[in-house]
Amino acid sequence: MLSIVTDADLRNEQFRWLTAQTIEVAGIKLRALRVTYVGELGWELHVPMNQLEPLYDAVWSAGESFGIADFGLYAVNSLRMEKAYRAYGSELTTEITMIDADMERFVKFEKEYFIGKEALLKRKTEGSNFQLVYSQVSSSDSDIRGGEPVFDGDSVIGVTTSGAYGHTVGKQLIFAYVKPVKATPNSTFKIEILGKRYRAEVLSEPIYDPENKRIRS
């Protein structure tokens, strides 16, 4: 669809996933980022505010024959949960390190210096009191909002940060910070939702397209 309104080469060989380029779309110069928060092939298009409306109109016109439609943040949240994408302000806060959030793979400890390196290395050495887990929850008719207590027996061992029903996979999914002993794949615990407790199982990878074939297509 994007190729209809740009002459830029959007092929994988020329515009790789997780890269950015300055291109023109419908005659508007912009910064295009090949990233996605919904688990499908896509781009973010960044323009000054005064160019946003004509860009939107051009993209909309190009997509009408494909059934283009607007969608809201609840849909985005559902899709990002299926891909196990963390969100700033819930899973990621100024109180949480990349070690706690299970995102150490994005840290280059071999760099000579970066802000927070010493503190991060200390956390890595000493270990965390809580670890982020991605889990599926047994069926319930209530959404997880974040802030629900996590139980192991009668002991509170953590708290949920966010959740959503994944309509593509038919699963209720959550993020939670729990004690490390319960952070390994296939570990189970219970989450209290509106006074009832539901079984949750820790997943080892995103439940939707874990190999990222869709966004690399």
N, C-alpha and C. Protein backbone atom coordinates (compact mmCIF):
# COMPACT_ATOMS: atom_id res chain seq x y z
N MET A 1 0.83 -1.20 0.00
CA MET A 1 0.00 0.00 0.00
C MET A 1 0.87 1.26 0.00
N LEU A 2 1.91 1.27 0.82
CA LEU A 2 2.78 2.44 0.89
C LEU A 2 3.48 2.71 -0.44
N SER A 3 3.77 1.64 -1.17
CA SER A 3 4.47 1.81 -2.45
C SER A 3 3.65 2.60 -3.46
N ILE A 4 2.34 2.71 -3.26
CA ILE A 4 1.49 3.48 -4.16
C ILE A 4 1.79 4.96 -4.07
N VAL A 5 2.21 5.43 -2.91
CA VAL A 5 2.38 6.87 -2.69
C VAL A 5 3.84 7.27 -2.47
N THR A 6 4.77 6.35 -2.77
CA THR A 6 6.18 6.71 -2.67
C THR A 6 6.99 6.00 -3.75
N ASP A 7 8.07 6.63 -4.18
CA ASP A 7 8.99 6.00 -5.12
C ASP A 7 10.15 5.34 -4.40
N ALA A 8 10.17 5.43 -3.08
CA ALA A 8 11.25 4.82 -2.29
C ALA A 8 11.23 3.31 -2.46
N ASP A 9 12.39 2.70 -2.41
CA ASP A 9 12.51 1.25 -2.52
C ASP A 9 12.25 0.64 -1.14
N LEU A 10 11.12 -0.03 -1.00
CA LEU A 10 10.69 -0.56 0.29
C LEU A 10 11.03 -2.04 0.47
N ARG A 11 11.76 -2.60 -0.47
CA ARG A 11 12.11 -4.02 -0.37
C ARG A 11 13.03 -4.28 0.82
N ASN A 12 12.99 -5.53 1.30
CA ASN A 12 13.81 -5.90 2.46
C ASN A 12 15.28 -5.57 2.25
N GLU A 13 15.76 -5.76 1.03
CA GLU A 13 17.18 -5.56 0.76
C GLU A 13 17.58 -4.08 0.89
N GLN A 14 16.64 -3.19 0.62
CA GLN A 14 16.93 -1.76 0.62
C GLN A 14 16.43 -1.03 1.86
N PHE A 15 15.42 -1.61 2.51
CA PHE A 15 14.84 -0.96 3.69
C PHE A 15 14.61 -2.05 4.74
N ARG A 16 15.66 -2.35 5.47
CA ARG A 16 15.60 -3.46 6.40
C ARG A 16 14.76 -3.12 7.64
N TRP A 17 14.22 -4.16 8.24
CA TRP A 17 13.49 -4.03 9.50
C TRP A 17 14.40 -3.40 10.56
N LEU A 18 13.84 -2.52 11.36
CA LEU A 18 14.53 -1.80 12.43
C LEU A 18 15.55 -0.79 11.90
N THR A 19 15.28 -0.25 10.70
CA THR A 19 16.09 0.85 10.18
C THR A 19 15.18 2.03 9.86
N ALA A 20 15.82 3.18 9.60
CA ALA A 20 15.08 4.41 9.28
C ALA A 20 15.68 5.06 8.05
N GLN A 21 14.83 5.74 7.28
CA GLN A 21 15.28 6.47 6.11
C GLN A 21 14.46 7.75 5.96
N THR A 22 15.04 8.75 5.31
CA THR A 22 14.29 9.93 4.91
C THR A 22 13.80 9.70 3.49
N ILE A 23 12.49 9.70 3.31
CA ILE A 23 11.89 9.44 2.01
C ILE A 23 10.78 10.46 1.75
N GLU A 24 10.20 10.41 0.56
CA GLU A 24 9.03 11.22 0.24
C GLU A 24 7.82 10.32 0.08
N VAL A 25 6.73 10.70 0.72
CA VAL A 25 5.45 10.01 0.58
C VAL A 25 4.43 11.05 0.14
N ALA A 26 3.83 10.82 -1.02
CA ALA A 26 2.87 11.78 -1.59
C ALA A 26 3.49 13.17 -1.68
N GLY A 27 4.77 13.23 -2.02
CA GLY A 27 5.45 14.50 -2.17
C GLY A 27 5.87 15.16 -0.87
N ILE A 28 5.64 14.49 0.26
CA ILE A 28 5.97 15.04 1.57
C ILE A 28 7.25 14.37 2.09
N LYS A 29 8.26 15.17 2.36
CA LYS A 29 9.51 14.63 2.89
C LYS A 29 9.32 14.28 4.36
N LEU A 30 9.71 13.06 4.73
CA LEU A 30 9.47 12.61 6.10
C LEU A 30 10.51 11.58 6.52
N ARG A 31 10.47 11.25 7.80
CA ARG A 31 11.32 10.18 8.34
C ARG A 31 10.46 8.92 8.48
N ALA A 32 10.87 7.87 7.77
CA ALA A 32 10.15 6.60 7.82
C ALA A 32 10.96 5.60 8.65
N LEU A 33 10.32 5.00 9.62
CA LEU A 33 10.95 3.98 10.46
C LEU A 33 10.26 2.65 10.19
N ARG A 34 11.05 1.65 9.83
CA ARG A 34 10.45 0.34 9.62
C ARG A 34 10.40 -0.41 10.95
N VAL A 35 9.43 -0.02 11.74
CA VAL A 35 9.17 -0.64 13.04
C VAL A 35 7.67 -0.85 13.16
N THR A 36 7.28 -1.66 14.11
CA THR A 36 5.87 -1.95 14.30
C THR A 36 5.59 -2.23 15.76
N TYR A 37 4.42 -1.84 16.21
CA TYR A 37 4.00 -2.13 17.59
C TYR A 37 2.81 -3.09 17.58
N VAL A 38 2.48 -3.61 16.38
CA VAL A 38 1.31 -4.48 16.27
C VAL A 38 1.64 -5.84 15.65
N GLY A 39 2.92 -6.10 15.37
CA GLY A 39 3.31 -7.42 14.93
C GLY A 39 3.14 -7.73 13.46
N GLU A 40 2.96 -6.71 12.63
CA GLU A 40 2.82 -6.92 11.19
C GLU A 40 3.80 -6.01 10.45
N LEU A 41 4.05 -6.32 9.17
CA LEU A 41 4.88 -5.48 8.34
C LEU A 41 4.33 -4.06 8.33
N GLY A 42 5.20 -3.08 8.61
CA GLY A 42 4.70 -1.72 8.63
C GLY A 42 5.79 -0.69 8.87
N TRP A 43 5.39 0.56 8.76
CA TRP A 43 6.30 1.69 8.95
C TRP A 43 5.63 2.72 9.85
N GLU A 44 6.45 3.45 10.59
CA GLU A 44 6.02 4.68 11.22
C GLU A 44 6.48 5.83 10.34
N LEU A 45 5.59 6.79 10.08
CA LEU A 45 5.90 7.94 9.24
C LEU A 45 5.86 9.19 10.11
N HIS A 46 7.00 9.85 10.26
CA HIS A 46 7.12 11.00 11.15
C HIS A 46 7.26 12.28 10.33
N VAL A 47 6.32 13.21 10.55
CA VAL A 47 6.29 14.47 9.81
C VAL A 47 5.96 15.62 10.78
N PRO A 48 6.25 16.87 10.39
CA PRO A 48 5.79 18.02 11.18
C PRO A 48 4.26 18.01 11.24
N MET A 49 3.71 18.60 12.29
CA MET A 49 2.27 18.58 12.49
C MET A 49 1.50 19.18 11.32
N ASN A 50 2.06 20.22 10.69
CA ASN A 50 1.32 20.86 9.60
C ASN A 50 1.27 20.02 8.33
N GLN A 51 2.02 18.91 8.30
CA GLN A 51 2.00 18.00 7.15
C GLN A 51 1.21 16.72 7.45
N LEU A 52 0.75 16.61 8.67
CA LEU A 52 0.11 15.35 9.09
C LEU A 52 -1.20 15.08 8.36
N GLU A 53 -2.03 16.10 8.21
CA GLU A 53 -3.34 15.89 7.57
C GLU A 53 -3.21 15.49 6.10
N PRO A 54 -2.42 16.20 5.29
CA PRO A 54 -2.28 15.75 3.89
C PRO A 54 -1.64 14.38 3.76
N LEU A 55 -0.73 14.04 4.66
CA LEU A 55 -0.13 12.71 4.63
C LEU A 55 -1.17 11.64 4.94
N TYR A 56 -1.96 11.89 5.98
CA TYR A 56 -3.04 10.95 6.35
C TYR A 56 -3.99 10.75 5.17
N ASP A 57 -4.39 11.84 4.52
CA ASP A 57 -5.33 11.74 3.40
C ASP A 57 -4.73 10.92 2.26
N ALA A 58 -3.43 11.11 2.00
CA ALA A 58 -2.79 10.38 0.90
C ALA A 58 -2.71 8.88 1.20
N VAL A 59 -2.33 8.55 2.43
CA VAL A 59 -2.24 7.15 2.82
C VAL A 59 -3.63 6.51 2.82
N TRP A 60 -4.61 7.25 3.30
CA TRP A 60 -5.98 6.72 3.31
C TRP A 60 -6.47 6.41 1.89
N SER A 61 -6.23 7.32 0.98
CA SER A 61 -6.66 7.11 -0.40
C SER A 61 -5.98 5.89 -1.01
N ALA A 62 -4.68 5.73 -0.71
CA ALA A 62 -3.95 4.57 -1.24
C ALA A 62 -4.47 3.26 -0.66
N GLY A 63 -5.01 3.31 0.54
CA GLY A 63 -5.44 2.08 1.21
C GLY A 63 -6.89 1.71 1.03
N GLU A 64 -7.68 2.57 0.39
CA GLU A 64 -9.12 2.29 0.29
C GLU A 64 -9.40 0.99 -0.44
N SER A 65 -8.65 0.69 -1.48
CA SER A 65 -8.90 -0.55 -2.23
C SER A 65 -8.48 -1.79 -1.43
N PHE A 66 -7.72 -1.59 -0.35
CA PHE A 66 -7.29 -2.70 0.51
C PHE A 66 -8.15 -2.81 1.76
N GLY A 67 -9.16 -1.94 1.88
CA GLY A 67 -10.02 -1.99 3.05
C GLY A 67 -9.43 -1.30 4.27
N ILE A 68 -8.68 -0.22 4.04
CA ILE A 68 -8.05 0.49 5.15
C ILE A 68 -9.10 0.96 6.16
N ALA A 69 -8.72 0.98 7.44
CA ALA A 69 -9.65 1.41 8.49
C ALA A 69 -8.86 1.99 9.66
N ASP A 70 -9.47 2.92 10.37
CA ASP A 70 -8.88 3.43 11.60
C ASP A 70 -9.07 2.41 12.72
N PHE A 71 -8.16 2.41 13.67
CA PHE A 71 -8.34 1.57 14.85
C PHE A 71 -7.76 2.28 16.05
N GLY A 72 -8.17 1.87 17.24
CA GLY A 72 -7.83 2.61 18.45
C GLY A 72 -6.78 1.94 19.31
N LEU A 73 -6.52 2.56 20.46
CA LEU A 73 -5.45 2.10 21.34
C LEU A 73 -5.74 0.75 21.98
N TYR A 74 -7.01 0.42 22.19
CA TYR A 74 -7.32 -0.89 22.75
C TYR A 74 -6.92 -2.00 21.79
N ALA A 75 -7.11 -1.75 20.50
CA ALA A 75 -6.69 -2.74 19.50
C ALA A 75 -5.17 -2.83 19.47
N VAL A 76 -4.49 -1.69 19.52
CA VAL A 76 -3.02 -1.70 19.56
C VAL A 76 -2.53 -2.46 20.78
N ASN A 77 -3.15 -2.23 21.92
CA ASN A 77 -2.72 -2.91 23.15
C ASN A 77 -2.89 -4.41 23.02
N SER A 78 -4.00 -4.85 22.44
CA SER A 78 -4.23 -6.28 22.25
C SER A 78 -3.15 -6.90 21.37
N LEU A 79 -2.82 -6.21 20.29
CA LEU A 79 -1.83 -6.74 19.36
C LEU A 79 -0.42 -6.71 19.93
N ARG A 80 -0.08 -5.66 20.67
CA ARG A 80 1.28 -5.61 21.24
C ARG A 80 1.43 -6.66 22.34
N MET A 81 0.35 -7.01 23.03
CA MET A 81 0.43 -8.08 24.02
C MET A 81 0.68 -9.43 23.35
N GLU A 82 0.08 -9.65 22.18
CA GLU A 82 0.34 -10.90 21.46
C GLU A 82 1.81 -11.02 21.06
N LYS A 83 2.46 -9.89 20.83
CA LYS A 83 3.87 -9.88 20.46
C LYS A 83 4.81 -9.72 21.65
N ALA A 84 4.25 -9.61 22.85
CA ALA A 84 5.05 -9.45 24.07
C ALA A 84 5.91 -8.20 24.04
N TYR A 85 5.36 -7.12 23.48
CA TYR A 85 6.07 -5.85 23.47
C TYR A 85 5.79 -5.10 24.77
N ARG A 86 6.84 -4.69 25.44
CA ARG A 86 6.69 -3.92 26.67
C ARG A 86 6.16 -2.51 26.36
N ALA A 87 5.55 -1.89 27.36
CA ALA A 87 5.04 -0.52 27.21
C ALA A 87 5.67 0.37 28.26
N TYR A 88 6.06 1.59 27.82
CA TYR A 88 6.60 2.55 28.77
C TYR A 88 5.47 3.05 29.67
N GLY A 89 5.76 3.12 30.96
CA GLY A 89 4.77 3.55 31.92
C GLY A 89 4.08 2.39 32.61
N SER A 90 4.27 1.17 32.09
CA SER A 90 3.70 -0.01 32.75
C SER A 90 4.81 -1.04 33.01
N GLU A 91 5.28 -1.70 31.95
CA GLU A 91 6.40 -2.63 32.13
C GLU A 91 7.73 -1.88 32.32
N LEU A 92 7.84 -0.72 31.68
CA LEU A 92 9.09 0.05 31.70
C LEU A 92 8.85 1.38 32.40
N THR A 93 9.54 1.58 33.51
CA THR A 93 9.43 2.83 34.26
C THR A 93 10.83 3.23 34.72
N THR A 94 10.93 4.40 35.32
CA THR A 94 12.22 4.86 35.82
C THR A 94 12.70 4.04 37.03
N GLU A 95 11.83 3.21 37.58
CA GLU A 95 12.21 2.36 38.72
C GLU A 95 12.68 0.99 38.27
N ILE A 96 12.56 0.69 36.99
CA ILE A 96 12.84 -0.64 36.47
C ILE A 96 14.09 -0.61 35.60
N THR A 97 14.96 -1.60 35.76
CA THR A 97 16.15 -1.70 34.90
C THR A 97 15.89 -2.67 33.76
N MET A 98 16.78 -2.66 32.80
CA MET A 98 16.67 -3.59 31.67
C MET A 98 16.86 -5.04 32.13
N ILE A 99 17.53 -5.23 33.25
CA ILE A 99 17.69 -6.57 33.82
C ILE A 99 16.35 -7.06 34.35
N ASP A 100 15.67 -6.21 35.14
CA ASP A 100 14.37 -6.58 35.70
C ASP A 100 13.35 -6.87 34.60
N ALA A 101 13.42 -6.09 33.52
CA ALA A 101 12.42 -6.17 32.44
C ALA A 101 12.75 -7.25 31.41
N ASP A 102 13.76 -8.07 31.68
CA ASP A 102 14.16 -9.15 30.77
C ASP A 102 14.49 -8.60 29.39
N MET A 103 15.25 -7.50 29.36
CA MET A 103 15.63 -6.87 28.10
C MET A 103 17.14 -6.68 28.01
N GLU A 104 17.87 -7.51 28.72
CA GLU A 104 19.32 -7.40 28.73
C GLU A 104 19.92 -7.55 27.34
N ARG A 105 19.22 -8.25 26.45
CA ARG A 105 19.74 -8.47 25.09
C ARG A 105 19.94 -7.17 24.33
N PHE A 106 19.31 -6.08 24.79
CA PHE A 106 19.44 -4.80 24.12
C PHE A 106 20.55 -3.93 24.72
N VAL A 107 21.24 -4.44 25.73
CA VAL A 107 22.28 -3.67 26.40
C VAL A 107 23.65 -4.14 25.93
N LYS A 108 24.50 -3.21 25.51
CA LYS A 108 25.86 -3.53 25.08
C LYS A 108 26.83 -3.23 26.22
N PHE A 109 27.01 -4.22 27.08
CA PHE A 109 27.88 -4.03 28.23
C PHE A 109 29.33 -3.84 27.82
N GLU A 110 29.67 -4.25 26.57
CA GLU A 110 31.05 -4.10 26.12
C GLU A 110 31.40 -2.64 25.80
N LYS A 111 30.40 -1.77 25.71
CA LYS A 111 30.70 -0.35 25.50
C LYS A 111 31.48 0.19 26.68
N GLU A 112 32.43 1.07 26.38
CA GLU A 112 33.28 1.61 27.43
C GLU A 112 32.47 2.36 28.47
N TYR A 113 31.47 3.12 28.01
CA TYR A 113 30.68 3.91 28.97
C TYR A 113 29.30 4.18 28.40
N PHE A 114 28.30 4.12 29.26
CA PHE A 114 26.99 4.69 28.97
C PHE A 114 26.37 5.05 30.31
N ILE A 115 25.44 6.00 30.31
CA ILE A 115 24.81 6.46 31.55
C ILE A 115 24.08 5.29 32.22
N GLY A 116 24.42 5.03 33.47
CA GLY A 116 23.77 3.95 34.22
C GLY A 116 24.47 2.62 34.14
N LYS A 117 25.59 2.55 33.45
CA LYS A 117 26.27 1.27 33.26
C LYS A 117 26.68 0.64 34.59
N GLU A 118 27.26 1.43 35.47
CA GLU A 118 27.73 0.90 36.75
C GLU A 118 26.57 0.31 37.57
N ALA A 119 25.47 1.06 37.63
CA ALA A 119 24.31 0.59 38.39
C ALA A 119 23.71 -0.66 37.75
N LEU A 120 23.70 -0.69 36.43
CA LEU A 120 23.12 -1.84 35.73
C LEU A 120 23.98 -3.09 35.93
N LEU A 121 25.28 -2.93 35.90
CA LEU A 121 26.18 -4.06 36.15
C LEU A 121 26.01 -4.57 37.58
N LYS A 122 25.80 -3.66 38.51
CA LYS A 122 25.57 -4.06 39.90
C LYS A 122 24.29 -4.88 40.01
N ARG A 123 23.23 -4.43 39.33
CA ARG A 123 21.96 -5.18 39.37
C ARG A 123 22.14 -6.55 38.71
N LYS A 124 22.90 -6.60 37.64
CA LYS A 124 23.15 -7.86 36.95
C LYS A 124 23.91 -8.84 37.86
N THR A 125 24.86 -8.33 38.61
CA THR A 125 25.66 -9.17 39.50
C THR A 125 24.86 -9.63 40.72
N GLU A 126 24.14 -8.69 41.32
CA GLU A 126 23.42 -8.99 42.56
C GLU A 126 22.09 -9.69 42.32
N GLY A 127 21.55 -9.52 41.11
CA GLY A 127 20.26 -10.12 40.80
C GLY A 127 19.10 -9.22 41.19
N SER A 128 17.93 -9.52 40.68
CA SER A 128 16.74 -8.71 40.91
C SER A 128 15.82 -9.39 41.92
N ASN A 129 15.08 -8.57 42.64
CA ASN A 129 14.06 -9.12 43.54
C ASN A 129 12.81 -9.52 42.78
N PHE A 130 12.58 -8.87 41.64
CA PHE A 130 11.41 -9.18 40.83
C PHE A 130 11.83 -9.25 39.37
N GLN A 131 11.16 -10.09 38.61
CA GLN A 131 11.47 -10.29 37.20
C GLN A 131 10.18 -10.19 36.39
N LEU A 132 10.26 -9.53 35.24
CA LEU A 132 9.08 -9.43 34.38
C LEU A 132 8.82 -10.75 33.69
N VAL A 133 7.56 -11.17 33.69
CA VAL A 133 7.16 -12.39 32.99
C VAL A 133 5.99 -12.08 32.05
N TYR A 134 5.93 -12.84 30.99
CA TYR A 134 4.86 -12.76 29.98
C TYR A 134 4.09 -14.06 30.09
N SER A 135 2.78 -13.98 30.31
CA SER A 135 2.03 -15.19 30.65
C SER A 135 0.66 -15.20 29.99
N GLN A 136 0.12 -16.41 29.87
CA GLN A 136 -1.27 -16.57 29.45
C GLN A 136 -2.10 -16.96 30.66
N VAL A 137 -3.34 -16.48 30.68
CA VAL A 137 -4.21 -16.66 31.83
C VAL A 137 -5.41 -17.49 31.42
N SER A 138 -5.83 -18.37 32.31
CA SER A 138 -7.03 -19.17 32.04
C SER A 138 -8.23 -18.24 31.85
N SER A 139 -9.22 -18.71 31.11
CA SER A 139 -10.32 -17.86 30.66
C SER A 139 -11.01 -17.13 31.80
N SER A 140 -11.31 -15.89 31.53
CA SER A 140 -12.07 -15.06 32.45
C SER A 140 -12.86 -14.06 31.62
N ASP A 141 -13.96 -13.56 32.15
CA ASP A 141 -14.73 -12.58 31.39
C ASP A 141 -14.36 -11.15 31.80
N SER A 142 -13.24 -11.02 32.51
CA SER A 142 -12.80 -9.70 32.97
C SER A 142 -11.39 -9.41 32.45
N ASP A 143 -11.18 -8.22 31.92
CA ASP A 143 -9.87 -7.84 31.43
C ASP A 143 -8.92 -7.54 32.59
N ILE A 144 -7.67 -7.83 32.36
CA ILE A 144 -6.63 -7.45 33.31
C ILE A 144 -6.18 -6.04 32.96
N ARG A 145 -6.17 -5.17 33.96
CA ARG A 145 -5.87 -3.77 33.72
C ARG A 145 -4.46 -3.38 34.15
N GLY A 146 -3.84 -4.22 34.98
CA GLY A 146 -2.58 -3.87 35.61
C GLY A 146 -2.83 -3.48 37.06
N GLY A 147 -1.97 -3.97 37.95
CA GLY A 147 -2.14 -3.69 39.37
C GLY A 147 -2.80 -4.82 40.13
N GLU A 148 -3.18 -5.91 39.42
CA GLU A 148 -3.78 -7.06 40.10
C GLU A 148 -2.70 -7.85 40.84
N PRO A 149 -2.99 -8.34 42.05
CA PRO A 149 -1.98 -9.10 42.80
C PRO A 149 -1.76 -10.49 42.21
N VAL A 150 -0.52 -10.95 42.32
CA VAL A 150 -0.13 -12.28 41.86
C VAL A 150 0.14 -13.14 43.09
N PHE A 151 -0.44 -14.34 43.11
CA PHE A 151 -0.36 -15.21 44.28
C PHE A 151 0.35 -16.51 43.97
N ASP A 152 1.13 -16.99 44.94
CA ASP A 152 1.62 -18.36 44.98
C ASP A 152 1.10 -18.95 46.27
N GLY A 153 0.04 -19.73 46.18
CA GLY A 153 -0.67 -20.14 47.39
C GLY A 153 -1.35 -18.93 47.99
N ASP A 154 -1.08 -18.66 49.27
CA ASP A 154 -1.65 -17.49 49.93
C ASP A 154 -0.68 -16.33 49.99
N SER A 155 0.50 -16.48 49.38
CA SER A 155 1.51 -15.43 49.43
C SER A 155 1.46 -14.57 48.17
N VAL A 156 1.49 -13.27 48.35
CA VAL A 156 1.58 -12.35 47.22
C VAL A 156 3.02 -12.32 46.75
N ILE A 157 3.26 -12.65 45.49
CA ILE A 157 4.63 -12.74 44.96
C ILE A 157 4.88 -11.73 43.84
N GLY A 158 3.90 -10.88 43.57
CA GLY A 158 4.11 -9.91 42.51
C GLY A 158 2.85 -9.16 42.16
N VAL A 159 2.91 -8.46 41.01
CA VAL A 159 1.79 -7.64 40.57
C VAL A 159 1.79 -7.58 39.04
N THR A 160 0.61 -7.55 38.47
CA THR A 160 0.51 -7.40 37.02
C THR A 160 0.79 -5.95 36.63
N THR A 161 1.28 -5.75 35.41
CA THR A 161 1.52 -4.40 34.91
C THR A 161 0.55 -4.04 33.79
N SER A 162 0.16 -5.01 32.97
CA SER A 162 -0.81 -4.76 31.91
C SER A 162 -1.29 -6.09 31.36
N GLY A 163 -2.34 -6.02 30.57
CA GLY A 163 -2.88 -7.24 29.98
C GLY A 163 -3.92 -6.92 28.92
N ALA A 164 -4.29 -7.93 28.17
CA ALA A 164 -5.32 -7.77 27.14
C ALA A 164 -5.69 -9.15 26.61
N TYR A 165 -6.87 -9.22 26.01
CA TYR A 165 -7.26 -10.44 25.31
C TYR A 165 -6.70 -10.37 23.90
N GLY A 166 -5.95 -11.41 23.51
CA GLY A 166 -5.40 -11.48 22.16
C GLY A 166 -6.40 -12.13 21.22
N HIS A 167 -7.08 -11.32 20.43
CA HIS A 167 -8.14 -11.85 19.57
C HIS A 167 -7.60 -12.72 18.45
N THR A 168 -6.36 -12.49 18.02
CA THR A 168 -5.78 -13.31 16.96
C THR A 168 -5.49 -14.71 17.44
N VAL A 169 -5.06 -14.84 18.70
CA VAL A 169 -4.65 -16.13 19.25
C VAL A 169 -5.68 -16.72 20.21
N GLY A 170 -6.70 -15.95 20.56
CA GLY A 170 -7.73 -16.46 21.46
C GLY A 170 -7.23 -16.73 22.87
N LYS A 171 -6.32 -15.87 23.37
CA LYS A 171 -5.75 -16.06 24.70
C LYS A 171 -5.79 -14.74 25.47
N GLN A 172 -5.95 -14.86 26.78
CA GLN A 172 -5.81 -13.69 27.64
C GLN A 172 -4.36 -13.63 28.10
N LEU A 173 -3.71 -12.48 27.89
CA LEU A 173 -2.27 -12.36 28.08
C LEU A 173 -1.96 -11.25 29.07
N ILE A 174 -0.86 -11.44 29.82
CA ILE A 174 -0.50 -10.44 30.82
C ILE A 174 1.02 -10.30 30.91
N PHE A 175 1.44 -9.15 31.42
CA PHE A 175 2.78 -8.96 31.93
C PHE A 175 2.65 -8.80 33.44
N ALA A 176 3.64 -9.33 34.17
CA ALA A 176 3.65 -9.17 35.62
C ALA A 176 5.09 -9.21 36.12
N TYR A 177 5.33 -8.52 37.20
CA TYR A 177 6.60 -8.65 37.91
C TYR A 177 6.39 -9.61 39.07
N VAL A 178 7.20 -10.67 39.08
CA VAL A 178 7.07 -11.70 40.11
C VAL A 178 8.44 -12.03 40.68
N LYS A 179 8.47 -12.78 41.76
CA LYS A 179 9.73 -13.23 42.31
C LYS A 179 10.43 -14.15 41.31
N PRO A 180 11.77 -14.05 41.20
CA PRO A 180 12.51 -14.81 40.18
C PRO A 180 12.23 -16.30 40.18
N VAL A 181 11.91 -16.88 41.31
CA VAL A 181 11.66 -18.32 41.36
C VAL A 181 10.46 -18.71 40.50
N LYS A 182 9.57 -17.76 40.23
CA LYS A 182 8.38 -18.02 39.42
C LYS A 182 8.49 -17.42 38.01
N ALA A 183 9.70 -17.04 37.62
CA ALA A 183 9.88 -16.34 36.34
C ALA A 183 10.34 -17.25 35.21
N THR A 184 10.49 -18.54 35.45
CA THR A 184 10.95 -19.45 34.40
C THR A 184 9.77 -19.94 33.56
N PRO A 185 10.00 -20.23 32.27
CA PRO A 185 8.91 -20.71 31.40
C PRO A 185 8.19 -21.91 32.00
N ASN A 186 6.87 -21.92 31.84
CA ASN A 186 5.96 -22.97 32.32
C ASN A 186 5.68 -22.88 33.81
N SER A 187 6.30 -21.92 34.52
CA SER A 187 5.93 -21.71 35.92
C SER A 187 4.47 -21.25 35.98
N THR A 188 3.81 -21.57 37.06
CA THR A 188 2.41 -21.17 37.21
C THR A 188 2.21 -20.41 38.51
N PHE A 189 1.20 -19.56 38.51
CA PHE A 189 0.78 -18.82 39.70
C PHE A 189 -0.65 -18.39 39.46
N LYS A 190 -1.22 -17.65 40.37
CA LYS A 190 -2.61 -17.21 40.19
C LYS A 190 -2.71 -15.70 40.30
N ILE A 191 -3.65 -15.15 39.55
CA ILE A 191 -3.88 -13.72 39.53
C ILE A 191 -5.31 -13.46 40.01
N GLU A 192 -5.45 -12.50 40.91
CA GLU A 192 -6.78 -12.18 41.42
C GLU A 192 -7.40 -11.07 40.58
N ILE A 193 -8.54 -11.39 39.98
CA ILE A 193 -9.26 -10.44 39.14
C ILE A 193 -10.68 -10.31 39.67
N LEU A 194 -11.02 -9.14 40.18
CA LEU A 194 -12.35 -8.87 40.72
C LEU A 194 -12.76 -9.94 41.75
N GLY A 195 -11.83 -10.25 42.64
CA GLY A 195 -12.13 -11.16 43.73
C GLY A 195 -12.00 -12.64 43.43
N LYS A 196 -11.73 -13.01 42.17
CA LYS A 196 -11.53 -14.41 41.81
C LYS A 196 -10.10 -14.63 41.34
N ARG A 197 -9.59 -15.83 41.57
CA ARG A 197 -8.22 -16.13 41.19
C ARG A 197 -8.18 -17.04 39.96
N TYR A 198 -7.30 -16.70 39.03
CA TYR A 198 -7.18 -17.42 37.78
C TYR A 198 -5.74 -17.88 37.58
N ARG A 199 -5.60 -19.06 37.04
CA ARG A 199 -4.28 -19.65 36.82
C ARG A 199 -3.57 -18.97 35.65
N ALA A 200 -2.29 -18.68 35.82
CA ALA A 200 -1.47 -18.10 34.76
C ALA A 200 -0.24 -18.98 34.55
N GLU A 201 0.21 -19.06 33.31
CA GLU A 201 1.40 -19.85 32.97
C GLU A 201 2.39 -18.98 32.21
N VAL A 202 3.64 -19.00 32.65
CA VAL A 202 4.68 -18.18 32.03
C VAL A 202 5.03 -18.74 30.66
N LEU A 203 5.09 -17.86 29.67
CA LEU A 203 5.44 -18.24 28.30
C LEU A 203 6.91 -17.90 28.03
N SER A 204 7.54 -18.68 27.18
CA SER A 204 8.96 -18.48 26.88
C SER A 204 9.19 -17.53 25.72
N GLU A 205 8.15 -17.23 24.94
CA GLU A 205 8.29 -16.39 23.75
C GLU A 205 6.94 -15.80 23.39
N PRO A 206 6.91 -14.81 22.50
CA PRO A 206 5.63 -14.23 22.08
C PRO A 206 4.70 -15.32 21.53
N ILE A 207 3.44 -15.21 21.84
CA ILE A 207 2.49 -16.24 21.41
C ILE A 207 2.15 -16.08 19.93
N TYR A 208 2.37 -14.88 19.38
CA TYR A 208 2.08 -14.63 17.96
C TYR A 208 3.39 -14.39 17.22
N ASP A 209 3.63 -15.18 16.19
CA ASP A 209 4.78 -15.02 15.30
C ASP A 209 6.09 -14.81 16.07
N PRO A 210 6.48 -15.78 16.89
CA PRO A 210 7.69 -15.62 17.71
C PRO A 210 8.97 -15.43 16.92
N GLU A 211 9.01 -15.87 15.65
CA GLU A 211 10.21 -15.73 14.84
C GLU A 211 10.22 -14.44 14.01
N ASN A 212 9.20 -13.60 14.22
CA ASN A 212 9.11 -12.30 13.52
C ASN A 212 9.08 -12.43 12.00
N LYS A 213 8.51 -13.50 11.50
CA LYS A 213 8.43 -13.68 10.05
C LYS A 213 7.50 -12.65 9.41
N ARG A 214 6.44 -12.27 10.10
CA ARG A 214 5.47 -11.33 9.53
C ARG A 214 6.09 -9.94 9.32
N ILE A 215 6.81 -9.45 10.32
CA ILE A 215 7.35 -8.10 10.22
C ILE A 215 8.61 -8.06 9.36
N ARG A 216 9.19 -9.22 9.05
CA ARG A 216 10.35 -9.27 8.17
C ARG A 216 9.95 -9.57 6.73
N SER A 217 8.65 -9.75 6.48
CA SER A 217 8.20 -10.23 5.17
C SER A 217 8.36 -9.17 4.08
